[in-house]
Amino acid sequence: MASVPDSAACPQCACLARRIPAAPMVGIGRSAAMRLHDRTRATADSPQVVSGLPPARRGRANITMNALHRALPRS
């Protein structure tokens, strides 16, 4: 990278163009990773607002399968 000149001649107009290092293909594409990045960036400025609390979940009774627990007294 040290041997690369600071400017290069344009192949069409022969004018000098300054070289600027850039990351290739940043922000281009429709991959799942890019969609996730776009959604994450969008929520920084305008987060989604919910209209209410989620419905309460009905919990399932905890059933143990350990044989030692069967001998415990029940209330």
Protein backbone atom coordinates (compact mmCIF):
# COMPACT_ATOMS: atom_id res chain seq x y z
CA MET A 1 0.00 0.00 0.00
CA ALA A 2 2.93 2.33 0.52
CA SER A 3 3.91 2.04 -3.14
CA VAL A 4 0.49 3.19 -4.44
CA PRO A 5 0.57 6.77 -5.78
CA ASP A 6 -1.70 9.43 -4.24
CA SER A 7 -3.36 10.16 -7.59
CA ALA A 8 -4.04 8.33 -10.83
CA ALA A 9 -4.96 9.41 -14.35
CA CYS A 10 -8.57 8.91 -15.38
CA PRO A 11 -8.76 6.49 -18.34
CA GLN A 12 -11.52 8.55 -20.02
CA CYS A 13 -10.48 12.20 -19.58
CA ALA A 14 -6.81 11.83 -18.53
CA CYS A 15 -7.34 14.18 -15.54
CA LEU A 16 -5.68 13.35 -12.25
CA ALA A 17 -7.96 11.76 -9.69
CA ARG A 18 -7.09 11.52 -6.01
CA ARG A 19 -7.14 8.02 -4.55
CA ILE A 20 -9.30 7.60 -1.47
CA PRO A 21 -9.23 4.27 0.37
CA ALA A 22 -12.75 2.94 0.79
CA ALA A 23 -14.37 -0.24 2.00
CA PRO A 24 -15.74 -2.17 -0.98
CA MET A 25 -19.45 -3.04 -1.22
CA VAL A 26 -20.39 -1.36 2.07
CA GLY A 27 -24.10 -0.67 2.19
CA ILE A 28 -24.77 -2.51 -1.04
CA GLY A 29 -26.75 -5.70 -1.27
CA ARG A 30 -29.86 -7.32 0.04
CA SER A 31 -28.34 -9.98 2.24
CA ALA A 32 -29.87 -10.93 5.56
CA ALA A 33 -26.96 -9.29 7.36
CA MET A 34 -27.51 -6.02 5.50
CA ARG A 35 -31.26 -6.05 6.24
CA LEU A 36 -30.49 -6.60 9.93
CA HIS A 37 -27.99 -3.74 9.88
CA ASP A 38 -30.55 -1.44 8.22
CA ARG A 39 -33.25 -2.30 10.78
CA THR A 40 -30.82 -1.76 13.66
CA ARG A 41 -29.75 1.60 12.29
CA ALA A 42 -33.39 2.65 11.76
CA THR A 43 -34.38 1.91 15.36
CA ALA A 44 -31.70 4.25 16.70
CA ASP A 45 -33.59 7.28 15.37
CA SER A 46 -37.18 6.10 15.60
CA PRO A 47 -37.74 3.12 17.93
CA GLN A 48 -40.92 1.11 17.56
CA VAL A 49 -43.62 2.01 20.08
CA VAL A 50 -45.99 -0.57 21.46
CA SER A 51 -49.62 0.20 22.22
CA GLY A 52 -49.86 -1.98 25.32
CA LEU A 53 -48.48 -4.82 27.35
CA PRO A 54 -48.29 -8.28 25.80
CA PRO A 55 -50.98 -10.74 26.92
CA ALA A 56 -50.19 -12.69 30.08
CA ARG A 57 -48.86 -16.16 29.50
CA ARG A 58 -50.48 -19.01 31.32
CA GLY A 59 -47.75 -20.99 32.95
CA ARG A 60 -47.62 -24.73 32.73
CA ALA A 61 -47.56 -26.66 35.98
CA ASN A 62 -44.06 -27.80 36.79
CA ILE A 63 -44.08 -31.58 36.82
CA THR A 64 -41.00 -33.30 38.13
CA MET A 65 -40.00 -36.72 36.90
CA ASN A 66 -37.59 -37.40 39.75
CA ALA A 67 -38.70 -40.48 41.73
CA LEU A 68 -37.41 -38.97 45.00
CA HIS A 69 -39.87 -36.08 44.69
CA ARG A 70 -42.84 -38.49 44.79
CA ALA A 71 -42.08 -39.30 48.45
CA LEU A 72 -42.34 -35.65 49.53
CA PRO A 73 -45.50 -34.60 51.40
CA ARG A 74 -48.12 -32.75 49.39
CA SER A 75 -49.90 -29.74 50.74
